[in-house]
Every structure is written in C-alpha cells, then in structure tokens.
C-alpha cells in the first residue's frame, strides 16, 4: 500500500552552496551548508519563513548540524574541525552560542556528530576511526568515552534514543555498536562491504538501520546484532536515513536526488520523491504535531529546501 505526499513549499536558494544538514525542532528547522551560516526557518507557517541567520557560525563552512529531540540544544561541526554547541531559551526562540568542544580543533578530529535526546551527550566520529562521547552538561564539556575501531574513517554516528548505545558506520563497510554504560563494544555487525554513510537507531532503540554505497538499507536487531532485513530500491549511494517518531517508517535519501519512505512492518517502499538531479545530502522528518499531517524536508546539492506533507484522505 502506497502513501501520498504533497509538496508544500520549496525555499529556493536557501543557502549559497550545497546544503549538508537539516536539523528539526517542533516549530523550527535549522539548516547548514558549505557556507558559513546556520539558517533557521519557522515550520508553523505555510511559507516556512526564515526567522534567524547565525552569520559566521563556522567560517570554512559546516558539514554536520544536529538538534536534540527533547532539549533546546544543537551542535555543529565546521570544515575547520571546530565543534560548537548552541542553545535557545524557549521553543521557537533565538539560538545563541553556548560553548565549544575544546578537544577537537583539527579538521577530521570530528566528522559526523549526534546528540542524545536529552541533549546532555554528544557523540562524534573521526577520520582515524575513533568514536568519542562528550558530556555537555559538565563544566568544560569533557570527553567521557573514547571507542577504538579498526582505524577506518568514521563517516557516520548515531546515539540511541535511550542513550545506551552509540553506533558508527565506516568507510571500509564496518558497523560498530557500543554500550555507553559499560564503555565496551557490543556488536561488530556484518557490514555492507562498501562505505556506510548513515546509521540510525529506531525510536524504541530496537532496530539499527545502516546504508551507504551498497545502495541497500540493512536492518539489525540491536540486542543480538543480527541482520533482520534489507530494504532494496535505491539506484545510487544512500546518503541519509531518518526514522519517523513512531518507528513505523524510515526516510532515506540518495546521491541521485531520490527520497524514499519505507514501511518497516512490511519492508516495502511506500513513496518515492525526486529532489532534482543533484545529491540529496539530508532528509528529515519534522516532529509530529497535533492536528498536522506527517511532514518531512529534503535538501542537498540544488541548494533548496523542500517541505512535504502526507496527503489527507
């Protein structure tokens, strides 16, 4: 059974270069690109207006930007290696700089990042394969975990919603799952052979989705580490994955500009959308709001942000 999604609005020329990251909040969408600014759009209005521009957030451009699901905190990484933490005092309010992670100041020391749901922890990958975790609630934002892998570039990283697990995907196809309580490796799962560009825990922390150059989305049982499914249908590298709030659906985006929505129960694709012929670097569900249909946003090489909603009836 397919689902229908309608294009609500497209913000053309949202950034002057490729948009690498979208980071949603209940009433806002933050975005970042190869340029130096972070932009904030209001997602409660039909034209999704720009409400804030954080100029010179990272002078050399920004490759990752994330928000905490249940806290008023965001984090960004620049191509210079700097990691900045942002905060707002209220939902829909203005974002300001809270601090910086001091231990990372060289390009590649930090690549991908993820925030825990409560915003208290930041996990990162690196070009040398190490996976680090910082405590953002402690003075000085110290590093509290350092996980060793086999040295392959850590392209992606994700924290489970309950904060217990950290997962990473690597250039050599390896996928690792670490237990943050014990500080030990839980699983080194059967990888995808080719580079893994996105890993994402389901909201209940039961499944881990992983995808990349193999053009297949692999699903793993988090407790056992066993592969329990494949989602096949993309014809290009898969760059981004994001679970819906309920865990019923998975959103994916690929290098050929295609976005797909998958129903996890049936392991089937229920919708496909094209965001042009440029790479689709990021695809994100917008948090579910009462009285509002399911919505998601896409962005990438065409420098635009497009918003979609589920068709009613």
Protein backbone atom coordinates (compact mmCIF):
# COMPACT_ATOMS: atom_id res chain seq x y z
CA UNK A 1 0.00 0.00 0.00
CA UNK A 2 1.48 3.32 -1.10
CA UNK A 3 1.33 6.69 0.65
CA UNK A 4 0.88 10.08 -0.98
CA UNK A 5 2.91 13.14 -0.03
CA UNK A 6 2.35 16.62 -1.42
CA UNK A 7 4.96 19.32 -1.93
CA UNK A 8 4.02 22.07 0.50
CA UNK A 9 6.71 24.63 -0.24
CA UNK A 10 10.23 24.96 -1.62
CA UNK A 11 12.71 27.53 -0.37
CA UNK A 12 14.90 28.14 -3.41
CA UNK A 13 18.49 29.31 -2.90
CA UNK A 14 18.14 28.63 0.83
CA UNK A 15 21.95 28.57 1.01
CA UNK A 16 24.62 29.70 -1.47
CA UNK A 17 26.15 26.20 -1.62
CA UNK A 18 25.22 22.53 -1.09
CA UNK A 19 23.05 22.02 1.99
CA UNK A 20 24.63 19.23 4.01
CA UNK A 21 22.42 19.19 7.11
CA UNK A 22 18.85 19.72 8.27
CA UNK A 23 18.10 19.67 12.00
CA UNK A 24 14.43 19.81 13.06
CA UNK A 25 12.75 21.12 16.20
CA UNK A 26 8.98 21.06 16.87
CA UNK A 27 8.47 24.56 15.41
CA UNK A 28 11.73 25.20 13.53
CA UNK A 29 14.12 23.72 11.01
CA UNK A 30 17.82 24.55 11.24
CA UNK A 31 19.99 24.12 8.14
CA UNK A 32 23.69 24.31 7.29
CA UNK A 33 25.81 24.20 4.15
CA UNK A 34 29.28 24.65 2.73
CA UNK A 35 28.82 28.35 3.53
CA UNK A 36 29.46 29.79 6.99
CA UNK A 37 25.92 30.48 8.23
CA UNK A 38 23.26 28.47 10.05
CA UNK A 39 19.73 29.35 8.99
CA UNK A 40 16.51 28.84 10.95
CA UNK A 41 13.06 28.50 9.33
CA UNK A 42 9.70 28.61 11.08
CA UNK A 43 7.83 25.37 10.29
CA UNK A 44 4.49 26.53 11.73
CA UNK A 45 3.79 28.97 8.88
CA UNK A 46 2.74 27.88 5.39
CA UNK A 47 5.63 29.70 3.69
CA UNK A 48 8.26 28.42 6.16
CA UNK A 49 9.84 31.89 6.62
CA UNK A 50 13.46 32.48 7.54
CA UNK A 51 13.43 33.74 11.14
CA UNK A 52 17.13 33.73 12.03
CA UNK A 53 20.54 33.63 10.35
CA UNK A 54 23.56 32.83 12.50
CA UNK A 55 26.29 34.51 10.48
CA UNK A 56 29.87 33.19 10.57
CA UNK A 57 28.89 30.15 12.63
CA UNK A 58 31.88 28.37 11.05
CA UNK A 59 34.00 30.44 8.68
CA UNK A 60 35.05 27.49 6.50
CA UNK A 61 31.57 26.03 6.13
CA UNK A 62 29.54 23.42 8.01
CA UNK A 63 29.25 19.72 7.23
CA UNK A 64 27.13 18.49 10.17
CA UNK A 65 24.37 20.09 12.27
CA UNK A 66 22.11 18.26 14.75
CA UNK A 67 19.46 19.06 17.34
CA UNK A 68 18.40 17.21 20.50
CA UNK A 69 14.90 15.74 20.27
CA UNK A 70 13.89 16.61 23.83
CA UNK A 71 16.14 19.55 24.71
CA UNK A 72 16.74 23.11 23.49
CA UNK A 73 20.24 22.36 22.25
CA UNK A 74 22.00 21.99 18.89
CA UNK A 75 25.55 21.21 17.76
CA UNK A 76 27.52 21.93 14.58
CA UNK A 77 30.87 20.98 13.04
CA UNK A 78 32.84 23.10 10.61
CA UNK A 79 35.32 22.05 7.97
CA UNK A 80 37.99 23.59 10.20
CA UNK A 81 37.28 20.89 12.81
CA UNK A 82 35.60 23.17 15.32
CA UNK A 83 32.55 21.92 17.24
CA UNK A 84 30.06 24.46 18.58
CA UNK A 85 27.11 23.98 20.92
CA UNK A 86 24.03 26.18 20.51
CA UNK A 87 21.07 26.81 22.79
CA UNK A 88 17.73 28.59 22.84
CA UNK A 89 15.75 29.60 25.92
CA UNK A 90 12.37 28.63 24.51
CA UNK A 91 10.82 26.61 21.70
CA UNK A 92 10.79 28.86 18.65
CA UNK A 93 13.22 31.28 20.26
CA UNK A 94 16.53 32.68 19.01
CA UNK A 95 19.61 30.45 19.01
CA UNK A 96 22.85 31.61 20.66
CA UNK A 97 26.30 30.09 21.16
CA UNK A 98 26.55 28.08 24.38
CA UNK A 99 30.12 26.84 24.09
CA UNK A 100 32.66 24.82 22.16
CA UNK A 101 34.12 21.34 22.48
CA UNK A 102 37.75 22.21 23.15
CA UNK A 103 39.46 18.92 22.41
CA UNK A 104 38.63 18.97 18.72
CA UNK A 105 40.30 21.70 16.71
CA UNK A 106 41.84 19.96 13.72
CA UNK A 107 39.98 19.03 10.52
CA UNK A 108 38.90 15.39 10.76
CA UNK A 109 39.19 15.10 14.54
CA UNK A 110 35.43 15.31 14.48
CA UNK A 111 33.39 14.39 11.41
CA UNK A 112 29.83 13.22 12.00
CA UNK A 113 28.03 14.13 15.23
CA UNK A 114 24.86 13.16 17.09
CA UNK A 115 23.17 14.45 20.25
CA UNK A 116 21.39 12.37 22.86
CA UNK A 117 17.65 13.03 23.13
CA UNK A 118 18.14 14.96 26.38
CA UNK A 119 20.97 16.99 24.87
CA UNK A 120 23.43 16.02 27.58
CA UNK A 121 25.78 13.95 25.43
CA UNK A 122 27.48 14.46 22.08
CA UNK A 123 29.00 11.56 20.14
CA UNK A 124 31.31 12.01 17.17
CA UNK A 125 33.18 10.04 14.54
CA UNK A 126 36.61 10.88 13.09
CA UNK A 127 38.86 10.23 10.10
CA UNK A 128 41.03 7.91 12.22
CA UNK A 129 38.03 5.77 13.13
CA UNK A 130 37.81 6.71 16.81
CA UNK A 131 34.35 7.36 18.25
CA UNK A 132 34.20 9.89 21.08
CA UNK A 133 31.48 10.89 23.54
CA UNK A 134 31.38 14.21 25.40
CA UNK A 135 29.32 15.26 28.42
CA UNK A 136 27.80 18.64 27.57
CA UNK A 137 26.20 19.08 30.99
CA UNK A 138 29.54 19.09 32.85
CA UNK A 139 31.82 22.10 33.19
CA UNK A 140 34.24 22.28 30.27
CA UNK A 141 32.23 19.70 28.29
CA UNK A 142 34.75 16.87 28.89
CA UNK A 143 35.26 13.76 26.80
CA UNK A 144 33.93 10.77 28.76
CA UNK A 145 34.29 7.89 26.26
CA UNK A 146 36.74 7.03 23.50
CA UNK A 147 35.92 3.94 21.47
CA UNK A 148 38.56 2.30 19.27
CA UNK A 149 37.70 0.75 15.91
CA UNK A 150 39.96 -0.65 13.19
CA UNK A 151 41.04 2.78 12.04
CA UNK A 152 38.73 3.23 9.06
CA UNK A 153 37.21 6.69 8.53
CA UNK A 154 34.06 7.03 10.64
CA UNK A 155 31.59 8.52 8.17
CA UNK A 156 28.51 8.45 10.41
CA UNK A 157 27.44 8.08 14.04
CA UNK A 158 24.18 7.87 16.00
CA UNK A 159 23.08 7.67 19.64
CA UNK A 160 20.07 5.56 20.60
CA UNK A 161 17.05 7.43 21.98
CA UNK A 162 17.53 5.88 25.42
CA UNK A 163 21.19 6.97 25.42
CA UNK A 164 22.50 3.47 26.00
CA UNK A 165 24.10 2.76 22.62
CA UNK A 166 26.40 4.51 20.15
CA UNK A 167 26.59 3.19 16.59
CA UNK A 168 29.10 4.11 13.90
CA UNK A 169 29.49 3.38 10.19
CA UNK A 170 32.87 3.37 8.43
CA UNK A 171 34.49 3.74 5.03
CA UNK A 172 35.52 0.06 4.96
CA UNK A 173 31.89 -1.05 5.45
CA UNK A 174 32.24 -1.83 9.16
CA UNK A 175 29.41 -1.06 11.61
CA UNK A 176 30.03 -0.94 15.36
CA UNK A 177 27.61 -0.73 18.28
CA UNK A 178 28.98 0.34 21.68
CA UNK A 179 27.35 0.19 25.12
CA UNK A 180 27.72 3.62 26.73
CA UNK A 181 27.02 2.24 30.22
CA UNK A 182 29.91 -0.22 30.17
CA UNK A 183 32.12 1.54 27.61
CA UNK A 184 32.50 -1.71 25.69
CA UNK A 185 31.89 -2.90 22.15
CA UNK A 186 28.53 -4.66 21.98
CA UNK A 187 28.50 -5.71 18.34
CA UNK A 188 30.67 -5.53 15.27
CA UNK A 189 27.90 -6.40 12.85
CA UNK A 190 28.10 -7.83 9.37
CA UNK A 191 28.74 -4.71 7.33
CA UNK A 192 27.74 -3.65 3.86
CA UNK A 193 31.25 -4.16 2.37
CA UNK A 194 31.17 -0.67 0.83
CA UNK A 195 31.28 2.66 2.75
CA UNK A 196 28.46 3.18 5.28
CA UNK A 197 27.17 6.75 5.10
CA UNK A 198 24.30 6.72 7.58
CA UNK A 199 23.32 4.76 10.70
CA UNK A 200 20.11 5.39 12.65
CA UNK A 201 18.52 3.77 15.70
CA UNK A 202 14.75 3.32 15.72
CA UNK A 203 12.89 5.41 18.33
CA UNK A 204 12.47 2.38 20.62
CA UNK A 205 16.19 1.51 20.20
CA UNK A 206 15.17 -1.94 18.94
CA UNK A 207 16.49 -1.69 15.38
CA UNK A 208 19.52 -0.10 13.74
CA UNK A 209 19.29 0.95 10.10
CA UNK A 210 22.51 1.34 8.08
CA UNK A 211 23.12 2.30 4.46
CA UNK A 212 25.66 3.70 2.04
CA UNK A 213 27.40 2.91 -1.23
CA UNK A 214 25.95 -0.63 -1.40
CA UNK A 215 22.56 1.02 -2.18
CA UNK A 216 20.84 -1.27 0.34
CA UNK A 217 19.41 -0.36 3.74
CA UNK A 218 20.29 -3.08 6.23
CA UNK A 219 18.23 -3.53 9.41
CA UNK A 220 19.86 -5.01 12.52
CA UNK A 221 18.46 -6.18 15.84
CA UNK A 222 20.25 -4.00 18.42
CA UNK A 223 20.28 -6.62 21.19
CA UNK A 224 21.52 -9.56 19.14
CA UNK A 225 23.42 -7.76 16.39
CA UNK A 226 21.74 -10.00 13.81
CA UNK A 227 20.68 -8.64 10.44
CA UNK A 228 16.88 -8.93 10.25
CA UNK A 229 16.06 -7.27 6.94
CA UNK A 230 17.10 -5.44 3.78
CA UNK A 231 15.35 -2.55 2.06
CA UNK A 232 16.19 -2.53 -1.64
CA UNK A 233 15.21 0.06 -4.24
CA UNK A 234 17.72 2.90 -4.40
CA UNK A 235 19.87 3.13 -7.54
CA UNK A 236 22.60 5.34 -6.06
CA UNK A 237 24.60 5.77 -2.87
CA UNK A 238 22.32 6.24 0.13
CA UNK A 239 23.42 9.35 2.00
CA UNK A 240 20.87 9.83 4.79
CA UNK A 241 18.39 7.92 6.98
CA UNK A 242 15.77 9.14 9.46
CA UNK A 243 13.08 7.29 11.42
CA UNK A 244 9.58 8.64 11.90
CA UNK A 245 8.57 9.42 15.50
CA UNK A 246 6.60 6.17 15.81
CA UNK A 247 9.24 3.99 14.16
CA UNK A 248 6.70 2.81 11.57
CA UNK A 249 8.50 4.47 8.66
CA UNK A 250 12.07 5.13 7.56
CA UNK A 251 13.02 8.05 5.31
CA UNK A 252 16.06 7.68 3.06
CA UNK A 253 17.82 9.92 0.56
CA UNK A 254 20.34 9.08 -2.16
CA UNK A 255 23.05 10.66 -4.30
CA UNK A 256 20.78 10.79 -7.36
CA UNK A 257 18.31 13.12 -5.61
CA UNK A 258 15.71 10.46 -4.76
CA UNK A 259 13.97 10.17 -1.39
CA UNK A 260 12.10 7.05 -0.37
CA UNK A 261 9.76 6.21 2.50
CA UNK A 262 9.75 2.64 3.77
CA UNK A 263 7.12 0.84 5.86
CA UNK A 264 9.17 -1.19 8.32
CA UNK A 265 6.49 -3.77 9.12
CA UNK A 266 6.25 -4.90 5.50
CA UNK A 267 9.82 -3.94 4.46
CA UNK A 268 8.39 -2.12 1.43
CA UNK A 269 8.84 1.28 -0.20
CA UNK A 270 5.56 3.23 0.00
CA UNK A 271 6.61 6.53 -1.60
CA UNK A 272 9.39 7.99 -3.77
CA UNK A 273 10.12 11.68 -4.39
CA UNK A 274 12.72 13.42 -6.54
CA UNK A 275 14.61 16.47 -5.26
CA UNK A 276 16.17 17.20 -8.64
CA UNK A 277 19.23 15.53 -10.13
CA UNK A 278 21.77 16.74 -7.57
CA UNK A 279 22.85 14.74 -4.49
CA UNK A 280 20.30 14.57 -1.68
CA UNK A 281 22.56 15.06 1.33
CA UNK A 282 19.91 15.22 4.05
CA UNK A 283 16.30 14.13 4.61
CA UNK A 284 14.47 14.67 7.89
CA UNK A 285 11.03 14.05 9.32
CA UNK A 286 9.56 17.06 11.09
CA UNK A 287 8.36 16.29 14.64
CA UNK A 288 4.71 15.20 14.68
CA UNK A 289 2.35 17.92 15.83
CA UNK A 290 -1.27 17.56 16.92
CA UNK A 291 -3.63 18.43 14.10
CA UNK A 292 -0.85 18.39 11.47
CA UNK A 293 -0.24 15.75 8.84
CA UNK A 294 3.05 13.87 8.71
CA UNK A 295 5.78 16.09 7.20
CA UNK A 296 9.39 15.83 6.05
CA UNK A 297 12.04 18.06 4.47
CA UNK A 298 14.73 17.43 1.84
CA UNK A 299 17.88 19.35 0.94
CA UNK A 300 21.14 18.84 -0.94
CA UNK A 301 23.10 19.88 -3.98
CA UNK A 302 20.39 22.04 -5.52
CA UNK A 303 20.70 24.48 -2.57
CA UNK A 304 16.94 24.38 -1.93
CA UNK A 305 14.87 23.07 0.99
CA UNK A 306 11.61 21.34 0.05
CA UNK A 307 8.83 20.56 2.52
CA UNK A 308 6.33 17.72 2.06
CA UNK A 309 3.22 16.60 3.94
CA UNK A 310 1.13 13.46 3.84
CA UNK A 311 -2.00 13.81 1.70
CA UNK A 312 -5.14 13.66 3.81
CA UNK A 313 -7.85 11.14 2.99
